[in-house]
Amino acid sequence: MATEFFMAMAKVPTVTHQEHQVSVRNGKPFFYEPSELKDARQKLTAHLGKHVPDVPYVSAVRLTVKWLFPISGDHRDGEYRTTKPDTDNLNKLLKDCMTRCGFWKDDALVASEICEKFWAANPGIYVRIEEL
């Protein structure tokens, strides 16, 4: 079984799971998601919801993700993007959203991961999941 899709987005989310905030209330720390992170989570979940497989993955998978950011400056279509955010931080939020949408029971099933980021004329996120 394999699932493959492209989520076109004029503005690809760059906020990452690492951006949780901490505050102190009544002398106790608590963590919260800033609005930018909540918005990114909602955007990803809305796009992912259209591609959830009928049957969730239950065994090891390879996840391939290509983050395609709108071209800026003097970059070229297909050129690797070597600026922040880091691929591991981008993928963490994406995998969390995929878990919530029901792609798999737990993202621990992702035993192999290929993640790349590019500048692209057609921005968005390409995703491929394949059983191992």
N, C-alpha and C. Protein backbone atom coordinates (compact mmCIF):
# COMPACT_ATOMS: atom_id res chain seq x y z
N MET A 1 0.85 -1.18 0.00
CA MET A 1 0.00 0.00 0.00
C MET A 1 0.89 1.24 0.00
N ALA A 2 0.50 2.25 -0.78
CA ALA A 2 1.23 3.52 -0.82
C ALA A 2 0.21 4.65 -0.95
N THR A 3 0.55 5.77 -0.37
CA THR A 3 -0.27 6.98 -0.44
C THR A 3 0.65 8.08 -0.94
N GLU A 4 0.18 8.84 -1.93
CA GLU A 4 1.01 9.90 -2.49
C GLU A 4 0.11 11.07 -2.86
N PHE A 5 0.53 12.28 -2.48
CA PHE A 5 -0.27 13.46 -2.80
C PHE A 5 0.57 14.72 -2.70
N PHE A 6 0.03 15.79 -3.30
CA PHE A 6 0.66 17.11 -3.25
C PHE A 6 -0.36 18.10 -2.70
N MET A 7 0.05 18.87 -1.72
CA MET A 7 -0.81 19.90 -1.14
C MET A 7 -0.29 21.26 -1.60
N ALA A 8 -0.94 21.85 -2.59
CA ALA A 8 -0.53 23.16 -3.09
C ALA A 8 -0.83 24.23 -2.03
N MET A 9 0.13 25.11 -1.80
CA MET A 9 -0.03 26.19 -0.81
C MET A 9 0.76 27.39 -1.28
N ALA A 10 0.10 28.52 -1.35
CA ALA A 10 0.81 29.75 -1.72
C ALA A 10 1.84 30.12 -0.65
N LYS A 11 1.49 29.83 0.61
CA LYS A 11 2.40 30.11 1.72
C LYS A 11 2.57 28.83 2.53
N VAL A 12 3.72 28.20 2.39
CA VAL A 12 4.02 26.96 3.12
C VAL A 12 4.35 27.33 4.56
N PRO A 13 3.75 26.63 5.54
CA PRO A 13 4.03 26.97 6.94
C PRO A 13 5.51 26.81 7.28
N THR A 14 6.06 27.81 7.94
CA THR A 14 7.46 27.73 8.37
C THR A 14 7.58 27.66 9.88
N VAL A 15 6.47 27.83 10.58
CA VAL A 15 6.49 27.70 12.04
C VAL A 15 6.65 26.21 12.36
N THR A 16 7.37 25.91 13.43
CA THR A 16 7.65 24.51 13.73
C THR A 16 7.14 24.13 15.11
N HIS A 17 7.11 22.84 15.33
CA HIS A 17 6.66 22.27 16.60
C HIS A 17 7.52 22.77 17.75
N GLN A 18 8.74 23.17 17.47
CA GLN A 18 9.68 23.63 18.50
C GLN A 18 9.26 24.97 19.11
N GLU A 19 8.26 25.61 18.53
CA GLU A 19 7.93 26.97 18.95
C GLU A 19 6.87 27.05 20.03
N HIS A 20 6.71 25.97 20.79
CA HIS A 20 5.84 26.03 21.97
C HIS A 20 6.40 27.10 22.90
N GLN A 21 5.54 27.74 23.64
CA GLN A 21 5.97 28.78 24.57
C GLN A 21 5.71 28.31 26.00
N VAL A 22 6.43 28.90 26.93
CA VAL A 22 6.23 28.59 28.34
C VAL A 22 5.93 29.90 29.07
N SER A 23 5.05 29.81 30.02
CA SER A 23 4.71 30.95 30.85
C SER A 23 4.56 30.45 32.28
N VAL A 24 4.47 31.36 33.20
CA VAL A 24 4.31 30.97 34.60
C VAL A 24 3.01 31.57 35.12
N ARG A 25 2.21 30.71 35.75
CA ARG A 25 0.94 31.14 36.34
C ARG A 25 0.88 30.58 37.75
N ASN A 26 0.65 31.44 38.71
CA ASN A 26 0.62 31.03 40.12
C ASN A 26 1.88 30.27 40.52
N GLY A 27 3.02 30.71 39.98
CA GLY A 27 4.29 30.10 40.33
C GLY A 27 4.59 28.78 39.64
N LYS A 28 3.71 28.34 38.73
CA LYS A 28 3.91 27.06 38.04
C LYS A 28 4.04 27.29 36.54
N PRO A 29 5.04 26.64 35.90
CA PRO A 29 5.19 26.79 34.45
C PRO A 29 4.10 26.02 33.71
N PHE A 30 3.66 26.57 32.60
CA PHE A 30 2.76 25.84 31.71
C PHE A 30 3.14 26.17 30.28
N PHE A 31 2.95 25.19 29.39
CA PHE A 31 3.30 25.33 27.99
C PHE A 31 2.04 25.63 27.19
N TYR A 32 2.22 26.42 26.14
CA TYR A 32 1.08 26.72 25.27
C TYR A 32 1.58 26.93 23.85
N GLU A 33 0.65 26.83 22.89
CA GLU A 33 0.97 27.05 21.49
C GLU A 33 0.65 28.50 21.14
N PRO A 34 1.62 29.23 20.59
CA PRO A 34 1.31 30.58 20.12
C PRO A 34 0.34 30.49 18.93
N SER A 35 -0.36 31.57 18.64
CA SER A 35 -1.38 31.56 17.59
C SER A 35 -0.80 31.16 16.23
N GLU A 36 0.43 31.56 15.94
CA GLU A 36 1.05 31.20 14.65
C GLU A 36 1.19 29.68 14.51
N LEU A 37 1.55 29.01 15.59
CA LEU A 37 1.68 27.55 15.58
C LEU A 37 0.31 26.89 15.44
N LYS A 38 -0.69 27.42 16.15
CA LYS A 38 -2.06 26.90 16.04
C LYS A 38 -2.56 27.03 14.60
N ASP A 39 -2.29 28.18 13.99
CA ASP A 39 -2.72 28.42 12.60
C ASP A 39 -2.05 27.43 11.64
N ALA A 40 -0.75 27.19 11.83
CA ALA A 40 -0.03 26.24 10.97
C ALA A 40 -0.59 24.84 11.15
N ARG A 41 -0.86 24.45 12.38
CA ARG A 41 -1.43 23.12 12.65
C ARG A 41 -2.80 22.99 11.97
N GLN A 42 -3.63 24.02 12.06
CA GLN A 42 -4.96 23.98 11.44
C GLN A 42 -4.85 23.91 9.91
N LYS A 43 -3.92 24.67 9.35
CA LYS A 43 -3.74 24.67 7.90
C LYS A 43 -3.30 23.29 7.41
N LEU A 44 -2.30 22.72 8.09
CA LEU A 44 -1.82 21.39 7.69
C LEU A 44 -2.93 20.34 7.85
N THR A 45 -3.64 20.39 8.96
CA THR A 45 -4.71 19.42 9.20
C THR A 45 -5.80 19.53 8.14
N ALA A 46 -6.16 20.74 7.75
CA ALA A 46 -7.19 20.93 6.73
C ALA A 46 -6.74 20.34 5.39
N HIS A 47 -5.50 20.57 5.01
CA HIS A 47 -4.98 20.03 3.75
C HIS A 47 -4.84 18.52 3.82
N LEU A 48 -4.33 18.02 4.93
CA LEU A 48 -4.11 16.57 5.09
C LEU A 48 -5.43 15.80 5.11
N GLY A 49 -6.47 16.40 5.67
CA GLY A 49 -7.75 15.73 5.80
C GLY A 49 -8.31 15.21 4.49
N LYS A 50 -7.92 15.82 3.39
CA LYS A 50 -8.40 15.41 2.06
C LYS A 50 -7.69 14.15 1.55
N HIS A 51 -6.62 13.73 2.25
CA HIS A 51 -5.79 12.64 1.73
C HIS A 51 -5.63 11.47 2.69
N VAL A 52 -6.41 11.44 3.75
CA VAL A 52 -6.30 10.36 4.74
C VAL A 52 -6.68 9.04 4.08
N PRO A 53 -5.84 8.02 4.22
CA PRO A 53 -6.19 6.72 3.62
C PRO A 53 -7.41 6.11 4.30
N ASP A 54 -8.15 5.28 3.56
CA ASP A 54 -9.34 4.62 4.12
C ASP A 54 -8.96 3.72 5.29
N VAL A 55 -7.79 3.11 5.19
CA VAL A 55 -7.30 2.22 6.24
C VAL A 55 -5.96 2.78 6.73
N PRO A 56 -5.85 3.08 8.03
CA PRO A 56 -4.58 3.62 8.54
C PRO A 56 -3.44 2.60 8.42
N TYR A 57 -2.24 3.11 8.29
CA TYR A 57 -1.05 2.25 8.27
C TYR A 57 -0.85 1.66 9.66
N VAL A 58 -0.48 0.37 9.70
CA VAL A 58 -0.30 -0.32 10.98
C VAL A 58 1.08 -0.97 11.10
N SER A 59 1.89 -0.84 10.04
CA SER A 59 3.24 -1.42 10.09
C SER A 59 4.23 -0.35 9.61
N ALA A 60 5.49 -0.70 9.60
CA ALA A 60 6.57 0.24 9.28
C ALA A 60 6.35 0.90 7.91
N VAL A 61 6.63 2.21 7.86
CA VAL A 61 6.48 2.96 6.62
C VAL A 61 7.71 3.83 6.37
N ARG A 62 7.87 4.18 5.11
CA ARG A 62 8.84 5.21 4.71
C ARG A 62 8.04 6.45 4.37
N LEU A 63 8.42 7.57 4.95
CA LEU A 63 7.76 8.84 4.69
C LEU A 63 8.70 9.72 3.89
N THR A 64 8.27 10.11 2.71
CA THR A 64 9.03 11.03 1.88
C THR A 64 8.27 12.34 1.83
N VAL A 65 8.94 13.43 2.18
CA VAL A 65 8.31 14.75 2.18
C VAL A 65 9.23 15.72 1.46
N LYS A 66 8.63 16.49 0.54
CA LYS A 66 9.36 17.55 -0.13
C LYS A 66 8.63 18.85 0.16
N TRP A 67 9.31 19.72 0.88
CA TRP A 67 8.77 21.04 1.23
C TRP A 67 9.17 21.99 0.11
N LEU A 68 8.19 22.55 -0.58
CA LEU A 68 8.44 23.39 -1.75
C LEU A 68 8.01 24.83 -1.43
N PHE A 69 8.99 25.67 -1.16
CA PHE A 69 8.74 27.04 -0.74
C PHE A 69 8.71 27.99 -1.93
N PRO A 70 7.88 29.04 -1.86
CA PRO A 70 7.82 30.01 -2.97
C PRO A 70 9.19 30.62 -3.22
N ILE A 71 9.52 30.77 -4.47
CA ILE A 71 10.82 31.34 -4.85
C ILE A 71 10.89 32.79 -4.37
N SER A 72 12.02 33.13 -3.78
CA SER A 72 12.27 34.52 -3.38
C SER A 72 13.71 34.86 -3.72
N GLY A 73 13.98 36.14 -3.80
CA GLY A 73 15.34 36.58 -4.11
C GLY A 73 15.78 36.07 -5.46
N ASP A 74 17.03 35.66 -5.54
CA ASP A 74 17.58 35.19 -6.82
C ASP A 74 17.65 33.66 -6.88
N HIS A 75 16.79 32.98 -6.12
CA HIS A 75 16.78 31.52 -6.13
C HIS A 75 16.09 31.00 -7.38
N ARG A 76 16.38 29.75 -7.74
CA ARG A 76 15.82 29.12 -8.93
C ARG A 76 14.87 28.00 -8.55
N ASP A 77 13.94 27.71 -9.42
CA ASP A 77 13.01 26.60 -9.24
C ASP A 77 13.81 25.30 -9.10
N GLY A 78 13.55 24.55 -8.04
CA GLY A 78 14.23 23.28 -7.83
C GLY A 78 15.52 23.37 -7.04
N GLU A 79 15.95 24.57 -6.73
CA GLU A 79 17.18 24.76 -5.94
C GLU A 79 16.89 24.37 -4.49
N TYR A 80 17.83 23.65 -3.88
CA TYR A 80 17.66 23.29 -2.47
C TYR A 80 17.61 24.56 -1.61
N ARG A 81 16.74 24.54 -0.62
CA ARG A 81 16.66 25.65 0.34
C ARG A 81 17.53 25.27 1.54
N THR A 82 18.47 26.11 1.87
CA THR A 82 19.42 25.80 2.95
C THR A 82 19.29 26.76 4.13
N THR A 83 18.14 27.41 4.22
CA THR A 83 17.89 28.31 5.34
C THR A 83 16.83 27.69 6.25
N LYS A 84 16.67 28.27 7.44
CA LYS A 84 15.67 27.78 8.38
C LYS A 84 14.28 27.88 7.77
N PRO A 85 13.36 27.07 8.22
CA PRO A 85 13.44 26.14 9.34
C PRO A 85 14.11 24.82 8.95
N ASP A 86 14.58 24.10 9.95
CA ASP A 86 15.23 22.81 9.75
C ASP A 86 14.19 21.77 9.33
N THR A 87 14.62 20.83 8.50
CA THR A 87 13.70 19.80 8.01
C THR A 87 13.12 18.95 9.14
N ASP A 88 13.93 18.63 10.15
CA ASP A 88 13.41 17.78 11.23
C ASP A 88 12.30 18.48 12.00
N ASN A 89 12.43 19.80 12.19
CA ASN A 89 11.38 20.54 12.88
C ASN A 89 10.12 20.67 12.04
N LEU A 90 10.28 20.88 10.72
CA LEU A 90 9.13 20.94 9.83
C LEU A 90 8.37 19.62 9.86
N ASN A 91 9.10 18.52 9.74
CA ASN A 91 8.47 17.20 9.65
C ASN A 91 7.79 16.81 10.96
N LYS A 92 8.30 17.25 12.08
CA LYS A 92 7.69 16.89 13.37
C LYS A 92 6.25 17.38 13.44
N LEU A 93 6.01 18.64 13.08
CA LEU A 93 4.66 19.17 13.10
C LEU A 93 3.78 18.43 12.08
N LEU A 94 4.32 18.20 10.89
CA LEU A 94 3.56 17.48 9.86
C LEU A 94 3.17 16.09 10.33
N LYS A 95 4.11 15.35 10.91
CA LYS A 95 3.80 13.99 11.37
C LYS A 95 2.79 14.01 12.51
N ASP A 96 2.88 14.97 13.40
CA ASP A 96 1.89 15.09 14.47
C ASP A 96 0.49 15.31 13.87
N CYS A 97 0.39 16.18 12.87
CA CYS A 97 -0.90 16.42 12.22
C CYS A 97 -1.39 15.17 11.49
N MET A 98 -0.47 14.44 10.87
CA MET A 98 -0.85 13.21 10.17
C MET A 98 -1.38 12.17 11.16
N THR A 99 -0.77 12.11 12.34
CA THR A 99 -1.25 11.19 13.38
C THR A 99 -2.66 11.58 13.80
N ARG A 100 -2.88 12.85 14.06
CA ARG A 100 -4.21 13.33 14.47
C ARG A 100 -5.27 13.08 13.40
N CYS A 101 -4.86 13.14 12.13
CA CYS A 101 -5.81 12.92 11.02
C CYS A 101 -6.11 11.44 10.80
N GLY A 102 -5.26 10.54 11.32
CA GLY A 102 -5.51 9.12 11.19
C GLY A 102 -4.77 8.41 10.07
N PHE A 103 -3.63 8.96 9.65
CA PHE A 103 -2.82 8.27 8.64
C PHE A 103 -2.24 6.97 9.21
N TRP A 104 -1.96 6.97 10.52
CA TRP A 104 -1.40 5.83 11.23
C TRP A 104 -1.78 5.98 12.70
N LYS A 105 -1.57 4.91 13.46
CA LYS A 105 -1.89 4.97 14.89
C LYS A 105 -0.88 5.85 15.63
N ASP A 106 0.38 5.75 15.23
CA ASP A 106 1.45 6.46 15.91
C ASP A 106 2.55 6.75 14.90
N ASP A 107 3.12 7.96 14.94
CA ASP A 107 4.18 8.27 13.97
C ASP A 107 5.48 7.51 14.25
N ALA A 108 5.50 6.71 15.31
CA ALA A 108 6.64 5.81 15.53
C ALA A 108 6.74 4.77 14.42
N LEU A 109 5.65 4.57 13.66
CA LEU A 109 5.68 3.63 12.53
C LEU A 109 6.57 4.13 11.40
N VAL A 110 6.93 5.41 11.42
CA VAL A 110 7.82 5.96 10.39
C VAL A 110 9.24 5.48 10.70
N ALA A 111 9.64 4.41 9.99
CA ALA A 111 10.94 3.79 10.22
C ALA A 111 12.01 4.35 9.28
N SER A 112 11.56 4.97 8.20
CA SER A 112 12.47 5.56 7.23
C SER A 112 11.88 6.90 6.81
N GLU A 113 12.74 7.91 6.75
CA GLU A 113 12.25 9.25 6.47
C GLU A 113 13.18 9.95 5.50
N ILE A 114 12.60 10.48 4.45
CA ILE A 114 13.34 11.30 3.48
C ILE A 114 12.67 12.66 3.47
N CYS A 115 13.41 13.69 3.80
CA CYS A 115 12.84 15.02 3.88
C CYS A 115 13.77 16.00 3.16
N GLU A 116 13.20 16.75 2.23
CA GLU A 116 13.97 17.72 1.48
C GLU A 116 13.18 19.02 1.40
N LYS A 117 13.90 20.12 1.22
CA LYS A 117 13.22 21.41 1.04
C LYS A 117 13.87 22.15 -0.12
N PHE A 118 12.99 22.76 -0.92
CA PHE A 118 13.40 23.40 -2.17
C PHE A 118 12.72 24.76 -2.31
N TRP A 119 13.26 25.57 -3.21
CA TRP A 119 12.57 26.74 -3.73
C TRP A 119 11.79 26.21 -4.94
N ALA A 120 10.55 26.65 -5.12
CA ALA A 120 9.74 26.09 -6.20
C ALA A 120 8.77 27.09 -6.78
N ALA A 121 8.55 26.96 -8.08
CA ALA A 121 7.56 27.80 -8.78
C ALA A 121 6.15 27.41 -8.34
N ASN A 122 5.94 26.14 -7.99
CA ASN A 122 4.65 25.64 -7.51
C ASN A 122 4.81 25.22 -6.05
N PRO A 123 4.63 26.16 -5.11
CA PRO A 123 4.87 25.85 -3.70
C PRO A 123 3.82 24.92 -3.11
N GLY A 124 4.24 24.17 -2.11
CA GLY A 124 3.36 23.27 -1.40
C GLY A 124 4.16 22.18 -0.72
N ILE A 125 3.49 21.09 -0.40
CA ILE A 125 4.15 19.97 0.28
C ILE A 125 3.79 18.68 -0.46
N TYR A 126 4.80 17.96 -0.91
CA TYR A 126 4.62 16.65 -1.52
C TYR A 126 4.84 15.59 -0.45
N VAL A 127 3.93 14.60 -0.38
CA VAL A 127 4.03 13.56 0.63
C VAL A 127 3.85 12.20 -0.05
N ARG A 128 4.70 11.26 0.32
CA ARG A 128 4.54 9.86 -0.12
C ARG A 128 4.78 8.97 1.10
N ILE A 129 3.84 8.05 1.31
CA ILE A 129 3.96 7.06 2.39
C ILE A 129 3.94 5.70 1.74
N GLU A 130 4.91 4.86 2.06
CA GLU A 130 4.92 3.51 1.51
C GLU A 130 5.27 2.52 2.61
N GLU A 131 4.58 1.39 2.57
CA GLU A 131 4.85 0.34 3.53
C GLU A 131 6.22 -0.26 3.26
N LEU A 132 6.91 -0.65 4.31
CA LEU A 132 8.23 -1.28 4.18
C LEU A 132 8.10 -2.78 4.35
